Amino acid sequence: QVQLVESGGGLVQAGGSLRLSCAASGGTFSTYALGWFRQAPGKEREFVASVSASGGVIYYADSVKGRFTISRSNAKNTVYLQMNSLKPEDTALYYCAADRDRKIPRREPYEFDDWGQGTQVTVSS
């Protein structure tokens, strides 16, 4: 099992930036894919971005493409989500997740095995 701890959330004005981090422990970090998801009040958890074990394959949701960047440091056992040009509709609880069964990333929440507790991102207009 992989333990994941997110950090970096906060309150930011529209157009601003935040960088989320997710530190992992347990398992062999460089062997599994990782993803970021978010959930707004009253809505289902949705895919944001995912990255392969090596970092060479990346997927984004259309809603964040061109604004968000996912990256990982296998030396630091950490995955990041750089969020630029934030919009009020980006307000949500952001989770990172590990897909221990695959090196290539997927996009559905049910395909991920381990989850962090989440970090809140609030974008004011």
N, C-alpha and C. Protein backbone atom coordinates (compact mmCIF):
# COMPACT_ATOMS: atom_id res chain seq x y z
N GLN A 1 0.83 -1.19 0.00
CA GLN A 1 0.00 0.00 0.00
C GLN A 1 0.88 1.25 0.00
N VAL A 2 0.38 2.27 -0.66
CA VAL A 2 1.11 3.54 -0.76
C VAL A 2 0.38 4.59 0.05
N GLN A 3 1.12 5.33 0.86
CA GLN A 3 0.55 6.45 1.61
C GLN A 3 0.87 7.75 0.87
N LEU A 4 -0.14 8.59 0.73
CA LEU A 4 0.00 9.82 -0.04
C LEU A 4 -0.45 11.00 0.81
N VAL A 5 0.35 12.07 0.81
CA VAL A 5 0.02 13.27 1.57
C VAL A 5 0.15 14.49 0.66
N GLU A 6 -0.99 15.16 0.43
CA GLU A 6 -1.01 16.35 -0.41
C GLU A 6 -0.74 17.60 0.42
N SER A 7 -0.21 18.62 -0.25
CA SER A 7 -0.01 19.92 0.36
C SER A 7 -0.01 20.98 -0.73
N GLY A 8 -0.09 22.24 -0.31
CA GLY A 8 0.02 23.34 -1.26
C GLY A 8 -1.27 24.03 -1.64
N GLY A 9 -2.39 23.51 -1.15
CA GLY A 9 -3.65 24.17 -1.45
C GLY A 9 -3.78 25.50 -0.73
N GLY A 10 -4.82 26.24 -1.06
CA GLY A 10 -5.06 27.52 -0.41
C GLY A 10 -6.07 28.34 -1.15
N LEU A 11 -6.15 29.62 -0.77
CA LEU A 11 -7.07 30.57 -1.37
C LEU A 11 -6.28 31.48 -2.31
N VAL A 12 -6.76 31.62 -3.53
CA VAL A 12 -6.06 32.44 -4.52
C VAL A 12 -7.10 33.17 -5.37
N GLN A 13 -6.74 34.32 -5.88
CA GLN A 13 -7.64 35.05 -6.75
C GLN A 13 -7.62 34.46 -8.16
N ALA A 14 -8.68 34.67 -8.88
CA ALA A 14 -8.74 34.22 -10.26
C ALA A 14 -7.56 34.79 -11.05
N GLY A 15 -6.97 33.93 -11.87
CA GLY A 15 -5.79 34.31 -12.62
C GLY A 15 -4.48 33.99 -11.93
N GLY A 16 -4.57 33.61 -10.67
CA GLY A 16 -3.37 33.30 -9.90
C GLY A 16 -2.90 31.88 -10.12
N SER A 17 -1.88 31.51 -9.33
CA SER A 17 -1.25 30.19 -9.47
C SER A 17 -1.07 29.53 -8.11
N LEU A 18 -1.07 28.22 -8.14
CA LEU A 18 -0.73 27.40 -6.99
C LEU A 18 0.04 26.18 -7.46
N ARG A 19 0.87 25.65 -6.58
CA ARG A 19 1.57 24.41 -6.88
C ARG A 19 1.26 23.40 -5.79
N LEU A 20 0.61 22.33 -6.17
CA LEU A 20 0.31 21.25 -5.24
C LEU A 20 1.43 20.22 -5.26
N SER A 21 1.68 19.64 -4.11
CA SER A 21 2.66 18.55 -3.99
C SER A 21 1.98 17.36 -3.34
N CYS A 22 2.48 16.19 -3.66
CA CYS A 22 1.98 14.96 -3.06
C CYS A 22 3.16 14.06 -2.79
N ALA A 23 3.44 13.85 -1.51
CA ALA A 23 4.57 13.01 -1.11
C ALA A 23 4.08 11.59 -0.87
N ALA A 24 4.81 10.64 -1.42
CA ALA A 24 4.42 9.23 -1.31
C ALA A 24 5.40 8.46 -0.45
N SER A 25 4.87 7.47 0.25
CA SER A 25 5.71 6.53 1.00
C SER A 25 5.11 5.14 0.88
N GLY A 26 5.96 4.13 0.98
CA GLY A 26 5.50 2.76 0.77
C GLY A 26 5.54 2.42 -0.71
N GLY A 27 5.80 1.20 -1.01
CA GLY A 27 5.92 0.78 -2.40
C GLY A 27 7.18 1.33 -3.04
N THR A 28 7.32 1.09 -4.33
CA THR A 28 8.46 1.60 -5.08
C THR A 28 7.95 2.69 -6.02
N PHE A 29 8.22 3.93 -5.66
CA PHE A 29 7.59 5.08 -6.30
C PHE A 29 7.77 5.07 -7.81
N SER A 30 8.94 4.69 -8.27
CA SER A 30 9.24 4.81 -9.69
C SER A 30 8.57 3.74 -10.55
N THR A 31 7.78 2.87 -9.95
CA THR A 31 7.17 1.77 -10.70
C THR A 31 5.68 1.95 -10.95
N TYR A 32 5.07 3.01 -10.46
CA TYR A 32 3.63 3.13 -10.65
C TYR A 32 3.22 4.52 -11.14
N ALA A 33 2.09 4.52 -11.84
CA ALA A 33 1.53 5.78 -12.34
C ALA A 33 0.84 6.54 -11.21
N LEU A 34 0.68 7.84 -11.43
CA LEU A 34 0.06 8.72 -10.44
C LEU A 34 -0.94 9.64 -11.13
N GLY A 35 -1.90 10.09 -10.35
CA GLY A 35 -2.88 11.01 -10.91
C GLY A 35 -3.32 12.05 -9.91
N TRP A 36 -3.88 13.13 -10.45
CA TRP A 36 -4.55 14.16 -9.64
C TRP A 36 -6.02 14.17 -10.04
N PHE A 37 -6.88 14.23 -9.04
CA PHE A 37 -8.32 14.33 -9.23
C PHE A 37 -8.83 15.47 -8.36
N ARG A 38 -10.06 15.89 -8.62
CA ARG A 38 -10.66 16.92 -7.78
C ARG A 38 -12.15 16.66 -7.61
N GLN A 39 -12.67 17.19 -6.53
CA GLN A 39 -14.09 17.03 -6.24
C GLN A 39 -14.63 18.32 -5.64
N ALA A 40 -15.58 18.90 -6.32
CA ALA A 40 -16.26 20.09 -5.83
C ALA A 40 -17.51 19.67 -5.07
N PRO A 41 -18.00 20.51 -4.16
CA PRO A 41 -19.20 20.15 -3.40
C PRO A 41 -20.38 19.80 -4.30
N GLY A 42 -21.00 18.67 -4.03
CA GLY A 42 -22.16 18.26 -4.80
C GLY A 42 -21.86 17.65 -6.15
N LYS A 43 -20.57 17.48 -6.45
CA LYS A 43 -20.19 16.92 -7.75
C LYS A 43 -19.37 15.65 -7.55
N GLU A 44 -19.29 14.87 -8.62
CA GLU A 44 -18.49 13.65 -8.57
C GLU A 44 -17.00 13.99 -8.68
N ARG A 45 -16.19 13.06 -8.19
CA ARG A 45 -14.76 13.22 -8.32
C ARG A 45 -14.39 13.13 -9.80
N GLU A 46 -13.55 14.07 -10.27
CA GLU A 46 -13.21 14.09 -11.67
C GLU A 46 -11.70 14.08 -11.88
N PHE A 47 -11.33 13.53 -13.02
CA PHE A 47 -9.93 13.43 -13.41
C PHE A 47 -9.38 14.81 -13.75
N VAL A 48 -8.13 15.06 -13.33
CA VAL A 48 -7.45 16.30 -13.67
C VAL A 48 -6.24 16.01 -14.56
N ALA A 49 -5.35 15.14 -14.08
CA ALA A 49 -4.13 14.83 -14.83
C ALA A 49 -3.53 13.54 -14.30
N SER A 50 -2.75 12.86 -15.15
CA SER A 50 -2.05 11.67 -14.70
C SER A 50 -0.72 11.56 -15.43
N VAL A 51 0.20 10.83 -14.81
CA VAL A 51 1.57 10.73 -15.33
C VAL A 51 2.05 9.29 -15.16
N SER A 52 2.79 8.82 -16.13
CA SER A 52 3.31 7.45 -16.10
C SER A 52 4.44 7.33 -15.09
N ALA A 53 4.85 6.10 -14.84
CA ALA A 53 5.90 5.82 -13.87
C ALA A 53 7.20 6.56 -14.21
N SER A 54 7.52 6.63 -15.49
CA SER A 54 8.75 7.28 -15.91
C SER A 54 8.60 8.79 -16.08
N GLY A 55 7.36 9.24 -16.13
CA GLY A 55 7.10 10.66 -16.40
C GLY A 55 6.96 10.99 -17.86
N GLY A 56 7.11 10.01 -18.73
CA GLY A 56 7.11 10.26 -20.15
C GLY A 56 5.74 10.31 -20.81
N VAL A 57 4.72 9.80 -20.15
CA VAL A 57 3.36 9.83 -20.69
C VAL A 57 2.48 10.61 -19.72
N ILE A 58 1.80 11.60 -20.25
CA ILE A 58 0.97 12.49 -19.43
C ILE A 58 -0.37 12.70 -20.10
N TYR A 59 -1.43 12.71 -19.30
CA TYR A 59 -2.77 13.03 -19.78
C TYR A 59 -3.34 14.17 -18.95
N TYR A 60 -4.16 14.99 -19.62
CA TYR A 60 -4.86 16.08 -18.94
C TYR A 60 -6.34 16.05 -19.30
N ALA A 61 -7.15 16.50 -18.35
CA ALA A 61 -8.54 16.78 -18.68
C ALA A 61 -8.58 18.01 -19.59
N ASP A 62 -9.56 18.04 -20.47
CA ASP A 62 -9.66 19.18 -21.40
C ASP A 62 -9.81 20.50 -20.65
N SER A 63 -10.46 20.46 -19.51
CA SER A 63 -10.75 21.68 -18.76
C SER A 63 -9.50 22.34 -18.18
N VAL A 64 -8.40 21.58 -18.08
CA VAL A 64 -7.18 22.15 -17.47
C VAL A 64 -6.02 22.19 -18.45
N LYS A 65 -6.21 21.63 -19.63
CA LYS A 65 -5.12 21.56 -20.60
C LYS A 65 -4.63 22.97 -20.95
N GLY A 66 -3.32 23.15 -20.92
CA GLY A 66 -2.73 24.45 -21.20
C GLY A 66 -2.58 25.35 -19.99
N ARG A 67 -3.23 24.96 -18.88
CA ARG A 67 -3.14 25.77 -17.65
C ARG A 67 -2.44 25.02 -16.52
N PHE A 68 -2.64 23.72 -16.46
CA PHE A 68 -2.05 22.88 -15.40
C PHE A 68 -0.93 22.03 -15.98
N THR A 69 0.07 21.74 -15.12
CA THR A 69 1.18 20.87 -15.51
C THR A 69 1.44 19.86 -14.40
N ILE A 70 1.39 18.59 -14.75
CA ILE A 70 1.73 17.54 -13.79
C ILE A 70 3.18 17.13 -14.03
N SER A 71 3.88 16.85 -12.94
CA SER A 71 5.26 16.36 -13.04
C SER A 71 5.54 15.49 -11.83
N ARG A 72 6.62 14.75 -11.90
CA ARG A 72 7.00 13.90 -10.78
C ARG A 72 8.50 13.89 -10.63
N SER A 73 8.93 13.72 -9.38
CA SER A 73 10.34 13.53 -9.08
C SER A 73 10.47 12.16 -8.43
N ASN A 74 11.02 11.22 -9.17
CA ASN A 74 11.20 9.89 -8.59
C ASN A 74 12.31 9.87 -7.55
N ALA A 75 13.17 10.88 -7.58
CA ALA A 75 14.21 11.00 -6.57
C ALA A 75 13.63 11.47 -5.23
N LYS A 76 12.55 12.25 -5.31
CA LYS A 76 11.95 12.80 -4.09
C LYS A 76 10.64 12.12 -3.71
N ASN A 77 10.23 11.11 -4.50
CA ASN A 77 8.96 10.41 -4.24
C ASN A 77 7.79 11.40 -4.15
N THR A 78 7.76 12.33 -5.07
CA THR A 78 6.77 13.39 -5.02
C THR A 78 6.21 13.65 -6.42
N VAL A 79 4.91 13.89 -6.47
CA VAL A 79 4.26 14.32 -7.70
C VAL A 79 3.70 15.72 -7.47
N TYR A 80 3.75 16.52 -8.53
CA TYR A 80 3.36 17.94 -8.43
C TYR A 80 2.23 18.25 -9.40
N LEU A 81 1.50 19.30 -9.08
CA LEU A 81 0.52 19.85 -10.01
C LEU A 81 0.66 21.37 -9.98
N GLN A 82 1.27 21.91 -11.02
CA GLN A 82 1.38 23.36 -11.16
C GLN A 82 0.11 23.87 -11.83
N MET A 83 -0.57 24.79 -11.16
CA MET A 83 -1.85 25.29 -11.65
C MET A 83 -1.72 26.79 -11.90
N ASN A 84 -1.85 27.18 -13.14
CA ASN A 84 -1.78 28.58 -13.54
C ASN A 84 -3.12 29.04 -14.10
N SER A 85 -3.28 30.35 -14.18
CA SER A 85 -4.52 30.93 -14.73
C SER A 85 -5.75 30.31 -14.08
N LEU A 86 -5.75 30.25 -12.78
CA LEU A 86 -6.83 29.58 -12.06
C LEU A 86 -8.15 30.33 -12.24
N LYS A 87 -9.23 29.54 -12.27
CA LYS A 87 -10.57 30.06 -12.44
C LYS A 87 -11.42 29.66 -11.24
N PRO A 88 -12.49 30.39 -10.96
CA PRO A 88 -13.37 29.99 -9.84
C PRO A 88 -13.88 28.55 -9.97
N GLU A 89 -14.10 28.09 -11.18
CA GLU A 89 -14.58 26.71 -11.38
C GLU A 89 -13.51 25.65 -11.07
N ASP A 90 -12.28 26.07 -10.81
CA ASP A 90 -11.25 25.13 -10.36
C ASP A 90 -11.33 24.86 -8.87
N THR A 91 -12.19 25.58 -8.16
CA THR A 91 -12.36 25.38 -6.73
C THR A 91 -12.83 23.96 -6.43
N ALA A 92 -12.07 23.25 -5.59
CA ALA A 92 -12.38 21.86 -5.28
C ALA A 92 -11.39 21.34 -4.26
N LEU A 93 -11.68 20.16 -3.77
CA LEU A 93 -10.71 19.41 -2.98
C LEU A 93 -9.89 18.56 -3.95
N TYR A 94 -8.59 18.73 -3.92
CA TYR A 94 -7.71 18.05 -4.88
C TYR A 94 -7.04 16.86 -4.20
N TYR A 95 -7.09 15.72 -4.90
CA TYR A 95 -6.52 14.48 -4.39
C TYR A 95 -5.44 13.97 -5.33
N CYS A 96 -4.39 13.39 -4.76
CA CYS A 96 -3.51 12.60 -5.60
C CYS A 96 -3.79 11.12 -5.34
N ALA A 97 -3.46 10.31 -6.32
CA ALA A 97 -3.77 8.89 -6.26
C ALA A 97 -2.69 8.09 -6.97
N ALA A 98 -2.49 6.86 -6.51
CA ALA A 98 -1.48 5.97 -7.09
C ALA A 98 -2.17 4.78 -7.73
N ASP A 99 -1.70 4.45 -8.92
CA ASP A 99 -2.19 3.27 -9.65
C ASP A 99 -1.06 2.24 -9.62
N ARG A 100 -1.06 1.40 -8.61
CA ARG A 100 0.07 0.50 -8.37
C ARG A 100 0.17 -0.61 -9.41
N ASP A 101 -0.89 -0.83 -10.17
CA ASP A 101 -0.91 -1.97 -11.08
C ASP A 101 -0.32 -1.64 -12.45
N ARG A 102 -0.09 -0.37 -12.70
CA ARG A 102 0.32 0.01 -14.05
C ARG A 102 1.39 1.09 -14.04
N LYS A 103 2.22 1.03 -15.07
CA LYS A 103 3.21 2.11 -15.28
C LYS A 103 2.61 3.21 -16.14
N ILE A 104 1.67 2.86 -17.02
CA ILE A 104 1.03 3.85 -17.90
C ILE A 104 -0.21 4.39 -17.20
N PRO A 105 -0.42 5.70 -17.21
CA PRO A 105 -1.52 6.28 -16.43
C PRO A 105 -2.88 6.02 -17.03
N ARG A 106 -3.88 6.05 -16.18
CA ARG A 106 -5.27 5.96 -16.59
C ARG A 106 -6.01 7.20 -16.10
N ARG A 107 -7.34 7.22 -16.27
CA ARG A 107 -8.07 8.46 -16.00
C ARG A 107 -9.30 8.30 -15.12
N GLU A 108 -9.69 7.09 -14.81
CA GLU A 108 -10.90 6.87 -14.02
C GLU A 108 -10.54 6.66 -12.56
N PRO A 109 -11.27 7.30 -11.64
CA PRO A 109 -10.95 7.15 -10.21
C PRO A 109 -10.91 5.70 -9.74
N TYR A 110 -11.82 4.86 -10.27
CA TYR A 110 -11.88 3.49 -9.77
C TYR A 110 -10.64 2.68 -10.15
N GLU A 111 -9.86 3.19 -11.09
CA GLU A 111 -8.66 2.47 -11.53
C GLU A 111 -7.46 2.73 -10.63
N PHE A 112 -7.59 3.64 -9.68
CA PHE A 112 -6.48 3.98 -8.79
C PHE A 112 -6.67 3.30 -7.44
N ASP A 113 -5.54 2.89 -6.87
CA ASP A 113 -5.58 2.04 -5.68
C ASP A 113 -5.51 2.80 -4.36
N ASP A 114 -4.68 3.83 -4.31
CA ASP A 114 -4.40 4.52 -3.06
C ASP A 114 -4.65 6.01 -3.23
N TRP A 115 -5.17 6.63 -2.18
CA TRP A 115 -5.58 8.04 -2.24
C TRP A 115 -5.06 8.80 -1.03
N GLY A 116 -4.74 10.07 -1.27
CA GLY A 116 -4.44 10.96 -0.18
C GLY A 116 -5.71 11.53 0.43
N GLN A 117 -5.55 12.39 1.43
CA GLN A 117 -6.70 12.98 2.12
C GLN A 117 -7.22 14.22 1.42
N GLY A 118 -6.44 14.76 0.52
CA GLY A 118 -6.89 15.92 -0.25
C GLY A 118 -6.38 17.24 0.32
N THR A 119 -6.29 18.23 -0.56
CA THR A 119 -5.93 19.59 -0.18
C THR A 119 -6.90 20.55 -0.87
N GLN A 120 -7.41 21.51 -0.13
CA GLN A 120 -8.46 22.39 -0.65
C GLN A 120 -7.86 23.52 -1.48
N VAL A 121 -8.43 23.73 -2.64
CA VAL A 121 -8.09 24.86 -3.50
C VAL A 121 -9.34 25.70 -3.68
N THR A 122 -9.24 26.97 -3.34
CA THR A 122 -10.37 27.89 -3.48
C THR A 122 -9.92 29.08 -4.32
N VAL A 123 -10.64 29.33 -5.41
CA VAL A 123 -10.31 30.42 -6.32
C VAL A 123 -11.44 31.45 -6.24
N SER A 124 -11.09 32.65 -5.83
CA SER A 124 -12.10 33.71 -5.71
C SER A 124 -12.16 34.53 -6.99
N SER A 125 -13.34 35.02 -7.28
CA SER A 125 -13.52 35.81 -8.51
C SER A 125 -13.28 37.29 -8.27
